Amino acid sequence: MNEQEQILNKVREAAQKKVLFLPHALRQMLRPDRMIRRLEIRQVIAQGEIIEGYPNDPRGHSCLMLGFGDSGRALHICCAPKEDFLAVITAYVPDEHEWSEDFKVRVRK
């Protein structure tokens, strides 16, 4: 099992215990131009894929996941698995000008 598969397993295991939405994530989810529902976040956790890993994040090993929510819209969530919960750090609809067509790779300008 590679490192990406290991962190994905940790994310999903932590989410089975509890999902904690940090204040920044809630602010981003509730923006009128986003309105990301908690159910959509859970869909990304359950069915999405890791597109970036951050093993040296000061909050603990975290990752950026890509998945799809309501109406098939692309969603990114940054999360960090902890022993007793999954911390959702942020969530957003990726900007098509900042990401590749499949929303998996950052476009450098």
Protein backbone atom coordinates (compact mmCIF):
# COMPACT_ATOMS: atom_id res chain seq x y z
CA MET A 1 0.00 0.00 0.00
CA ASN A 2 1.49 3.36 -0.99
CA GLU A 3 1.47 6.52 1.13
CA GLN A 4 -1.56 7.99 -0.67
CA GLU A 5 -3.62 4.84 -0.07
CA GLN A 6 -2.56 4.85 3.59
CA ILE A 7 -3.70 8.43 4.20
CA LEU A 8 -6.95 7.78 2.31
CA ASN A 9 -7.64 4.81 4.59
CA LYS A 10 -6.89 6.97 7.64
CA VAL A 11 -9.23 9.70 6.35
CA ARG A 12 -12.09 7.27 5.86
CA GLU A 13 -11.50 5.48 9.17
CA ALA A 14 -11.41 8.79 11.08
CA ALA A 15 -14.60 9.95 9.31
CA GLN A 16 -16.39 6.81 10.50
CA LYS A 17 -15.82 7.98 14.07
CA LYS A 18 -16.64 11.68 13.71
CA VAL A 19 -16.29 14.54 11.22
CA LEU A 20 -15.33 17.86 12.76
CA PHE A 21 -15.83 20.94 10.55
CA LEU A 22 -13.31 23.59 11.56
CA PRO A 23 -14.52 27.23 11.59
CA HIS A 24 -12.70 28.08 8.35
CA ALA A 25 -14.37 25.16 6.57
CA LEU A 26 -17.81 26.23 7.76
CA ARG A 27 -17.23 29.82 6.60
CA GLN A 28 -16.17 28.59 3.17
CA MET A 29 -19.04 26.11 2.90
CA LEU A 30 -21.63 28.76 3.79
CA ARG A 31 -20.49 31.36 1.28
CA PRO A 32 -23.50 32.23 -0.92
CA ASP A 33 -21.57 31.41 -4.10
CA ARG A 34 -20.73 27.92 -2.76
CA MET A 35 -23.38 26.62 -0.33
CA ILE A 36 -21.64 23.27 0.16
CA ARG A 37 -23.69 20.84 2.21
CA ARG A 38 -22.24 18.50 4.82
CA LEU A 39 -23.66 15.57 2.87
CA GLU A 40 -21.57 16.64 -0.13
CA ILE A 41 -18.45 16.67 2.05
CA ARG A 42 -19.27 13.16 3.22
CA GLN A 43 -19.67 12.07 -0.43
CA VAL A 44 -16.19 13.40 -1.23
CA ILE A 45 -14.74 11.57 1.78
CA ALA A 46 -16.44 8.29 0.84
CA GLN A 47 -15.94 8.36 -2.93
CA GLY A 48 -13.30 10.97 -3.72
CA GLU A 49 -9.59 10.71 -4.33
CA ILE A 50 -6.54 12.39 -2.86
CA ILE A 51 -4.92 14.79 -5.30
CA GLU A 52 -2.32 16.38 -2.98
CA GLY A 53 -0.75 15.22 0.26
CA TYR A 54 0.69 17.47 2.94
CA PRO A 55 2.71 15.19 5.25
CA ASN A 56 4.50 18.14 6.89
CA ASP A 57 1.40 20.21 7.67
CA PRO A 58 1.74 21.73 11.17
CA ARG A 59 -1.83 20.53 11.92
CA GLY A 60 -0.74 16.96 11.20
CA HIS A 61 -0.64 14.98 7.97
CA SER A 62 -3.42 16.39 5.83
CA CYS A 63 -4.53 16.03 2.23
CA LEU A 64 -6.57 17.66 -0.51
CA MET A 65 -9.36 15.51 -1.89
CA LEU A 66 -11.35 15.84 -5.10
CA GLY A 67 -14.87 14.54 -5.33
CA PHE A 68 -18.24 15.47 -6.73
CA GLY A 69 -21.26 16.85 -4.94
CA ASP A 70 -24.72 17.94 -5.95
CA SER A 71 -25.34 18.09 -9.70
CA GLY A 72 -21.90 16.58 -10.24
CA ARG A 73 -20.05 19.76 -9.32
CA ALA A 74 -16.38 19.31 -8.45
CA LEU A 75 -15.44 19.90 -4.82
CA HIS A 76 -12.11 20.08 -3.05
CA ILE A 77 -11.78 19.42 0.65
CA CYS A 78 -8.67 19.69 2.74
CA CYS A 79 -8.80 17.39 5.75
CA ALA A 80 -6.60 15.84 8.42
CA PRO A 81 -7.29 12.49 10.06
CA LYS A 82 -6.89 12.42 13.84
CA GLU A 83 -7.18 9.47 16.20
CA ASP A 84 -10.81 10.14 17.11
CA PHE A 85 -12.11 12.28 14.24
CA LEU A 86 -11.54 13.73 10.78
CA ALA A 87 -10.86 17.47 10.78
CA VAL A 88 -12.25 19.20 7.70
CA ILE A 89 -9.99 22.22 7.31
CA THR A 90 -11.59 23.80 4.26
CA ALA A 91 -13.93 23.04 1.37
CA TYR A 92 -14.45 24.85 -1.90
CA VAL A 93 -15.50 24.62 -5.53
CA PRO A 94 -12.22 24.65 -7.48
CA ASP A 95 -11.71 27.57 -9.87
CA GLU A 96 -11.47 26.35 -13.46
CA HIS A 97 -8.74 28.95 -14.11
CA GLU A 98 -6.56 27.63 -11.27
CA TRP A 99 -6.96 23.91 -11.91
CA SER A 100 -6.62 21.52 -14.83
CA GLU A 101 -9.76 20.50 -16.69
CA ASP A 102 -10.20 17.47 -14.40
CA PHE A 103 -9.52 19.63 -11.28
CA LYS A 104 -6.63 17.36 -10.21
CA VAL A 105 -3.59 19.52 -11.02
CA ARG A 106 -2.89 23.16 -10.17
CA VAL A 107 -2.30 25.34 -13.20
CA ARG A 108 0.70 27.62 -12.74
CA LYS A 109 0.33 31.07 -14.24
